Amino acid sequence: MKKYFPTLLLATVLLVGSARAAGEVVFVDVQEVFKHFYKTKLAQDQIRQQADDIKFEREEMEAEIKEVKEEVEVLRIDSRDETLSEDLRGNKRDQLEEKLVELQKSEQEMIDFEKLRMQQLEQQNTRMTRKLYDEIQDRIIIFSKEKGFSGVIDRSAQSRSGMQVILFVNPKQDVTADLLAILNEGRALISEEEPSLSGEQ
């Protein structure tokens, strides 16, 4: 009987350990999960593409404004050219005034366009970020219920002073990697800098 004792003891320890784990409090680095969630990379790419589109449209508008400015300078010079008749100079002055109005309108349109598009992009970024965090939170809840955890604490939380609220976590109680494996489901972890979804439909 003695020779079976170590095996029985080991089995008992494992069973007790499993029972304790089912009701324990675990920790997850939500920022790390968000950073490496494959949908975060997709969202970033979408925001970045739209930011590039805004930049391209602005550059086109700037090119048009530059042309108008060049026309304004030519008309300004011609309107002061005393080798031209007074009637012709007067005509140039009229054209200059029209171009100046057109220039002012174009510059304001560019400012309004960029402001509106950046606001739209910021709103979309906020919606997408919130949606991703909601999905992560839902997955954490499902995962925790399946494992029977009594609580899950976000160890990435910070105090108002910027210090980490949770200063130490036993790696055995950190389920960040487990959650990432579930969320990414077979996809390779995305190694990127922490995403900054700041304002880039």
C-alpha atoms as a PDB file:
ATOM      1  CA  MET A   1       0.000   0.000   0.000  1.00  0.00           C
ATOM      2  CA  LYS A   2       2.903   2.318   0.764  1.00  0.00           C
ATOM      3  CA  LYS A   3       4.086   2.339  -2.822  1.00  0.00           C
ATOM      4  CA  TYR A   4       0.768   3.861  -3.929  1.00  0.00           C
ATOM      5  CA  PHE A   5       0.850   6.633  -1.335  1.00  0.00           C
ATOM      6  CA  PRO A   6       2.883   9.201  -3.354  1.00  0.00           C
ATOM      7  CA  THR A   7       0.477   8.865  -6.311  1.00  0.00           C
ATOM      8  CA  LEU A   8      -2.576   9.252  -4.099  1.00  0.00           C
ATOM      9  CA  LEU A   9      -1.034  12.241  -2.350  1.00  0.00           C
ATOM     10  CA  LEU A  10      -0.231  13.924  -5.672  1.00  0.00           C
ATOM     11  CA  ALA A  11      -3.771  13.368  -6.935  1.00  0.00           C
ATOM     12  CA  THR A  12      -5.185  14.848  -3.731  1.00  0.00           C
ATOM     13  CA  VAL A  13      -2.978  17.952  -4.029  1.00  0.00           C
ATOM     14  CA  LEU A  14      -4.021  18.482  -7.640  1.00  0.00           C
ATOM     15  CA  LEU A  15      -7.698  18.160  -6.784  1.00  0.00           C
ATOM     16  CA  VAL A  16      -7.426  20.582  -3.894  1.00  0.00           C
ATOM     17  CA  GLY A  17      -5.472  23.023  -6.038  1.00  0.00           C
ATOM     18  CA  SER A  18      -8.081  22.886  -8.790  1.00  0.00           C
ATOM     19  CA  ALA A  19     -10.884  23.449  -6.345  1.00  0.00           C
ATOM     20  CA  ARG A  20      -9.137  26.524  -4.936  1.00  0.00           C
ATOM     21  CA  ALA A  21      -8.433  27.920  -8.415  1.00  0.00           C
ATOM     22  CA  ALA A  22     -12.093  27.712  -9.346  1.00  0.00           C
ATOM     23  CA  GLY A  23     -13.007  30.354  -6.783  1.00  0.00           C
ATOM     24  CA  GLU A  24      -9.932  32.567  -6.868  1.00  0.00           C
ATOM     25  CA  VAL A  25      -9.463  36.159  -7.930  1.00  0.00           C
ATOM     26  CA  VAL A  26      -7.296  36.523 -11.048  1.00  0.00           C
ATOM     27  CA  PHE A  27      -5.711  39.430 -12.864  1.00  0.00           C
ATOM     28  CA  VAL A  28      -5.661  40.549 -16.482  1.00  0.00           C
ATOM     29  CA  ASP A  29      -3.762  43.345 -18.193  1.00  0.00           C
ATOM     30  CA  VAL A  30      -6.609  44.836 -20.239  1.00  0.00           C
ATOM     31  CA  GLN A  31      -4.282  47.292 -22.001  1.00  0.00           C
ATOM     32  CA  GLU A  32      -2.060  44.414 -23.098  1.00  0.00           C
ATOM     33  CA  VAL A  33      -5.067  42.455 -24.313  1.00  0.00           C
ATOM     34  CA  PHE A  34      -6.320  45.475 -26.270  1.00  0.00           C
ATOM     35  CA  LYS A  35      -2.857  46.090 -27.719  1.00  0.00           C
ATOM     36  CA  HIS A  36      -2.433  42.534 -29.036  1.00  0.00           C
ATOM     37  CA  PHE A  37      -6.055  41.822 -29.992  1.00  0.00           C
ATOM     38  CA  TYR A  38      -6.031  41.263 -33.762  1.00  0.00           C
ATOM     39  CA  LYS A  39      -9.148  43.410 -34.220  1.00  0.00           C
ATOM     40  CA  THR A  40      -7.280  46.364 -32.726  1.00  0.00           C
ATOM     41  CA  LYS A  41      -4.732  46.151 -35.549  1.00  0.00           C
ATOM     42  CA  LEU A  42      -7.543  45.998 -38.116  1.00  0.00           C
ATOM     43  CA  ALA A  43      -9.214  49.034 -36.552  1.00  0.00           C
ATOM     44  CA  GLN A  44      -5.910  50.925 -36.510  1.00  0.00           C
ATOM     45  CA  ASP A  45      -5.340  50.149 -40.180  1.00  0.00           C
ATOM     46  CA  GLN A  46      -8.807  51.436 -41.038  1.00  0.00           C
ATOM     47  CA  ILE A  47      -8.305  54.649 -39.073  1.00  0.00           C
ATOM     48  CA  ARG A  48      -4.841  55.137 -40.585  1.00  0.00           C
ATOM     49  CA  GLN A  49      -6.195  54.667 -44.120  1.00  0.00           C
ATOM     50  CA  GLN A  50      -8.895  57.252 -43.552  1.00  0.00           C
ATOM     51  CA  ALA A  51      -6.363  59.665 -42.072  1.00  0.00           C
ATOM     52  CA  ASP A  52      -4.274  59.215 -45.232  1.00  0.00           C
ATOM     53  CA  ASP A  53      -7.373  59.929 -47.347  1.00  0.00           C
ATOM     54  CA  ILE A  54      -7.971  63.161 -45.425  1.00  0.00           C
ATOM     55  CA  LYS A  55      -4.342  64.155 -45.914  1.00  0.00           C
ATOM     56  CA  PHE A  56      -4.562  63.444 -49.656  1.00  0.00           C
ATOM     57  CA  GLU A  57      -7.758  65.510 -50.013  1.00  0.00           C
ATOM     58  CA  ARG A  58      -6.183  68.371 -48.080  1.00  0.00           C
ATOM     59  CA  GLU A  59      -3.105  68.300 -50.297  1.00  0.00           C
ATOM     60  CA  GLU A  60      -5.338  68.540 -53.372  1.00  0.00           C
ATOM     61  CA  MET A  61      -7.114  71.540 -51.887  1.00  0.00           C
ATOM     62  CA  GLU A  62      -3.770  73.130 -50.988  1.00  0.00           C
ATOM     63  CA  ALA A  63      -2.591  72.683 -54.585  1.00  0.00           C
ATOM     64  CA  GLU A  64      -5.713  74.462 -55.857  1.00  0.00           C
ATOM     65  CA  ILE A  65      -5.247  77.268 -53.346  1.00  0.00           C
ATOM     66  CA  LYS A  66      -1.633  77.631 -54.411  1.00  0.00           C
ATOM     67  CA  GLU A  67      -2.753  78.138 -58.020  1.00  0.00           C
ATOM     68  CA  VAL A  68      -5.234  80.816 -56.959  1.00  0.00           C
ATOM     69  CA  LYS A  69      -2.497  82.552 -54.919  1.00  0.00           C
ATOM     70  CA  GLU A  70      -0.240  82.596 -57.960  1.00  0.00           C
ATOM     71  CA  GLU A  71      -3.058  84.139 -60.020  1.00  0.00           C
ATOM     72  CA  VAL A  72      -3.592  86.712 -57.279  1.00  0.00           C
ATOM     73  CA  GLU A  73       0.080  87.729 -57.383  1.00  0.00           C
ATOM     74  CA  VAL A  74       0.015  88.113 -61.156  1.00  0.00           C
ATOM     75  CA  LEU A  75      -3.142  90.240 -60.984  1.00  0.00           C
ATOM     76  CA  ARG A  76      -1.659  92.303 -58.144  1.00  0.00           C
ATOM     77  CA  ILE A  77       1.411  93.106 -60.249  1.00  0.00           C
ATOM     78  CA  ASP A  78      -0.655  93.840 -63.361  1.00  0.00           C
ATOM     79  CA  SER A  79      -3.019  96.120 -61.448  1.00  0.00           C
ATOM     80  CA  ARG A  80      -0.009  98.307 -60.562  1.00  0.00           C
ATOM     81  CA  ASP A  81       1.702  98.153 -63.931  1.00  0.00           C
ATOM     82  CA  GLU A  82       1.742 101.737 -65.195  1.00  0.00           C
ATOM     83  CA  THR A  83       2.641 100.578 -68.699  1.00  0.00           C
ATOM     84  CA  LEU A  84      -0.937  99.313 -68.933  1.00  0.00           C
ATOM     85  CA  SER A  85      -3.890 101.587 -69.593  1.00  0.00           C
ATOM     86  CA  GLU A  86      -5.988 102.791 -66.660  1.00  0.00           C
ATOM     87  CA  ASP A  87      -8.972 100.806 -67.942  1.00  0.00           C
ATOM     88  CA  LEU A  88      -6.907  97.638 -68.169  1.00  0.00           C
ATOM     89  CA  ARG A  89      -5.442  98.193 -64.703  1.00  0.00           C
ATOM     90  CA  GLY A  90      -8.924  98.792 -63.363  1.00  0.00           C
ATOM     91  CA  ASN A  91     -10.040  95.556 -64.936  1.00  0.00           C
ATOM     92  CA  LYS A  92      -7.106  93.776 -63.303  1.00  0.00           C
ATOM     93  CA  ARG A  93      -8.061  95.273 -59.936  1.00  0.00           C
ATOM     94  CA  ASP A  94     -11.603  93.951 -60.324  1.00  0.00           C
ATOM     95  CA  GLN A  95     -10.278  90.499 -61.190  1.00  0.00           C
ATOM     96  CA  LEU A  96      -7.902  90.723 -58.224  1.00  0.00           C
ATOM     97  CA  GLU A  97     -10.762  91.430 -55.825  1.00  0.00           C
ATOM     98  CA  GLU A  98     -12.704  88.475 -57.213  1.00  0.00           C
ATOM     99  CA  LYS A  99      -9.696  86.196 -56.844  1.00  0.00           C
ATOM    100  CA  LEU A 100      -9.066  87.371 -53.296  1.00  0.00           C
ATOM    101  CA  VAL A 101     -12.668  86.516 -52.401  1.00  0.00           C
ATOM    102  CA  GLU A 102     -12.244  83.144 -54.094  1.00  0.00           C
ATOM    103  CA  LEU A 103      -8.978  82.564 -52.220  1.00  0.00           C
ATOM    104  CA  GLN A 104     -10.506  83.406 -48.855  1.00  0.00           C
ATOM    105  CA  LYS A 105     -13.455  81.123 -49.575  1.00  0.00           C
ATOM    106  CA  SER A 106     -11.188  78.240 -50.624  1.00  0.00           C
ATOM    107  CA  GLU A 107      -8.992  78.587 -47.534  1.00  0.00           C
ATOM    108  CA  GLN A 108     -12.030  78.604 -45.252  1.00  0.00           C
ATOM    109  CA  GLU A 109     -13.471  75.569 -47.050  1.00  0.00           C
ATOM    110  CA  MET A 110     -10.212  73.706 -46.472  1.00  0.00           C
ATOM    111  CA  ILE A 111     -10.227  74.597 -42.771  1.00  0.00           C
ATOM    112  CA  ASP A 112     -13.882  73.553 -42.400  1.00  0.00           C
ATOM    113  CA  PHE A 113     -13.287  70.350 -44.357  1.00  0.00           C
ATOM    114  CA  GLU A 114     -10.337  69.284 -42.224  1.00  0.00           C
ATOM    115  CA  LYS A 115     -12.105  70.159 -38.979  1.00  0.00           C
ATOM    116  CA  LEU A 116     -15.228  68.194 -39.934  1.00  0.00           C
ATOM    117  CA  ARG A 117     -13.344  65.154 -41.212  1.00  0.00           C
ATOM    118  CA  MET A 118     -11.102  65.012 -38.135  1.00  0.00           C
ATOM    119  CA  GLN A 119     -14.149  65.264 -35.852  1.00  0.00           C
ATOM    120  CA  GLN A 120     -15.800  62.418 -37.757  1.00  0.00           C
ATOM    121  CA  LEU A 121     -12.633  60.370 -37.550  1.00  0.00           C
ATOM    122  CA  GLU A 122     -12.293  61.025 -33.817  1.00  0.00           C
ATOM    123  CA  GLN A 123     -15.905  59.957 -33.272  1.00  0.00           C
ATOM    124  CA  GLN A 124     -15.387  56.786 -35.269  1.00  0.00           C
ATOM    125  CA  ASN A 125     -12.173  56.076 -33.391  1.00  0.00           C
ATOM    126  CA  THR A 126     -14.017  56.455 -30.080  1.00  0.00           C
ATOM    127  CA  ARG A 127     -16.819  54.136 -31.235  1.00  0.00           C
ATOM    128  CA  MET A 128     -14.418  51.497 -32.499  1.00  0.00           C
ATOM    129  CA  THR A 129     -12.304  51.629 -29.350  1.00  0.00           C
ATOM    130  CA  ARG A 130     -15.368  51.338 -27.131  1.00  0.00           C
ATOM    131  CA  LYS A 131     -16.645  48.416 -29.206  1.00  0.00           C
ATOM    132  CA  LEU A 132     -13.320  46.589 -28.873  1.00  0.00           C
ATOM    133  CA  TYR A 133     -13.191  47.115 -25.107  1.00  0.00           C
ATOM    134  CA  ASP A 134     -16.811  45.931 -24.813  1.00  0.00           C
ATOM    135  CA  GLU A 135     -15.952  42.780 -26.749  1.00  0.00           C
ATOM    136  CA  ILE A 136     -12.918  42.160 -24.545  1.00  0.00           C
ATOM    137  CA  GLN A 137     -14.974  42.697 -21.412  1.00  0.00           C
ATOM    138  CA  ASP A 138     -17.698  40.314 -22.615  1.00  0.00           C
ATOM    139  CA  ARG A 139     -15.053  37.683 -23.339  1.00  0.00           C
ATOM    140  CA  ILE A 140     -13.523  38.161 -19.881  1.00  0.00           C
ATOM    141  CA  ILE A 141     -16.933  37.649 -18.265  1.00  0.00           C
ATOM    142  CA  ILE A 142     -17.630  34.482 -20.263  1.00  0.00           C
ATOM    143  CA  PHE A 143     -14.132  33.137 -19.612  1.00  0.00           C
ATOM    144  CA  SER A 144     -14.397  33.874 -15.872  1.00  0.00           C
ATOM    145  CA  LYS A 145     -17.761  32.162 -15.559  1.00  0.00           C
ATOM    146  CA  GLU A 146     -16.439  29.116 -17.383  1.00  0.00           C
ATOM    147  CA  LYS A 147     -13.435  28.946 -15.044  1.00  0.00           C
ATOM    148  CA  GLY A 148     -15.475  29.717 -11.938  1.00  0.00           C
ATOM    149  CA  PHE A 149     -13.366  32.707 -10.888  1.00  0.00           C
ATOM    150  CA  SER A 150     -14.810  34.814  -8.097  1.00  0.00           C
ATOM    151  CA  GLY A 151     -13.337  38.000  -9.515  1.00  0.00           C
ATOM    152  CA  VAL A 152     -11.111  39.509 -12.227  1.00  0.00           C
ATOM    153  CA  ILE A 153      -9.016  42.635 -11.611  1.00  0.00           C
ATOM    154  CA  ASP A 154      -7.512  44.826 -14.323  1.00  0.00           C
ATOM    155  CA  ARG A 155      -3.848  45.112 -13.368  1.00  0.00           C
ATOM    156  CA  SER A 156      -3.238  47.840 -15.963  1.00  0.00           C
ATOM    157  CA  ALA A 157      -5.322  50.334 -13.978  1.00  0.00           C
ATOM    158  CA  GLN A 158      -3.490  53.466 -12.849  1.00  0.00           C
ATOM    159  CA  SER A 159      -4.046  55.952 -10.056  1.00  0.00           C
ATOM    160  CA  ARG A 160      -4.468  59.687 -10.649  1.00  0.00           C
ATOM    161  CA  SER A 161      -0.754  60.117 -10.038  1.00  0.00           C
ATOM    162  CA  GLY A 162       0.004  57.707 -12.876  1.00  0.00           C
ATOM    163  CA  MET A 163       1.251  54.894 -10.651  1.00  0.00           C
ATOM    164  CA  GLN A 164       0.049  51.348 -11.240  1.00  0.00           C
ATOM    165  CA  VAL A 165      -2.758  50.483  -8.826  1.00  0.00           C
ATOM    166  CA  ILE A 166      -1.662  46.822  -8.781  1.00  0.00           C
ATOM    167  CA  LEU A 167       2.068  46.783  -8.044  1.00  0.00           C
ATOM    168  CA  PHE A 168       2.636  43.030  -8.109  1.00  0.00           C
ATOM    169  CA  VAL A 169       0.812  40.015  -9.509  1.00  0.00           C
ATOM    170  CA  ASN A 170       1.785  36.397  -9.145  1.00  0.00           C
ATOM    171  CA  PRO A 171       2.228  35.152 -12.736  1.00  0.00           C
ATOM    172  CA  LYS A 172       0.148  32.083 -11.860  1.00  0.00           C
ATOM    173  CA  GLN A 173      -2.820  34.377 -11.266  1.00  0.00           C
ATOM    174  CA  ASP A 174      -2.389  36.360 -14.488  1.00  0.00           C
ATOM    175  CA  VAL A 175      -4.782  35.181 -17.229  1.00  0.00           C
ATOM    176  CA  THR A 176      -3.795  37.785 -19.865  1.00  0.00           C
ATOM    177  CA  ALA A 177      -2.187  35.226 -22.197  1.00  0.00           C
ATOM    178  CA  ASP A 178      -5.154  32.871 -21.854  1.00  0.00           C
ATOM    179  CA  LEU A 179      -7.581  35.607 -22.865  1.00  0.00           C
ATOM    180  CA  LEU A 180      -5.434  36.659 -25.810  1.00  0.00           C
ATOM    181  CA  ALA A 181      -5.317  33.060 -27.046  1.00  0.00           C
ATOM    182  CA  ILE A 182      -9.112  32.930 -26.950  1.00  0.00           C
ATOM    183  CA  LEU A 183      -9.643  36.331 -28.569  1.00  0.00           C
ATOM    184  CA  ASN A 184      -7.137  35.762 -31.355  1.00  0.00           C
ATOM    185  CA  GLU A 185      -8.101  32.121 -31.919  1.00  0.00           C
ATOM    186  CA  GLY A 186      -5.182  30.776 -33.888  1.00  0.00           C
ATOM    187  CA  ARG A 187      -3.902  34.111 -35.135  1.00  0.00           C
ATOM    188  CA  ALA A 188      -0.329  35.071 -34.337  1.00  0.00           C
ATOM    189  CA  LEU A 189      -0.044  37.702 -31.611  1.00  0.00           C
ATOM    190  CA  ILE A 190       0.348  41.124 -33.124  1.00  0.00           C
ATOM    191  CA  SER A 191       3.500  42.809 -31.873  1.00  0.00           C
ATOM    192  CA  GLU A 192       2.849  46.515 -32.235  1.00  0.00           C
ATOM    193  CA  GLU A 193       3.455  49.572 -30.128  1.00  0.00           C
ATOM    194  CA  GLU A 194       0.524  50.364 -27.878  1.00  0.00           C
ATOM    195  CA  PRO A 195      -2.137  51.717 -30.258  1.00  0.00           C
ATOM    196  CA  SER A 196      -2.982  55.374 -30.247  1.00  0.00           C
ATOM    197  CA  LEU A 197      -6.396  55.670 -31.816  1.00  0.00           C
ATOM    198  CA  SER A 198      -6.497  59.327 -31.568  1.00  0.00           C
ATOM    199  CA  GLY A 199      -8.571  60.820 -34.132  1.00  0.00           C
ATOM    200  CA  GLU A 200      -7.731  59.252 -37.329  1.00  0.00           C
ATOM    201  CA  GLN A 201     -15.464  58.506 -40.555  1.00  0.00           C
END
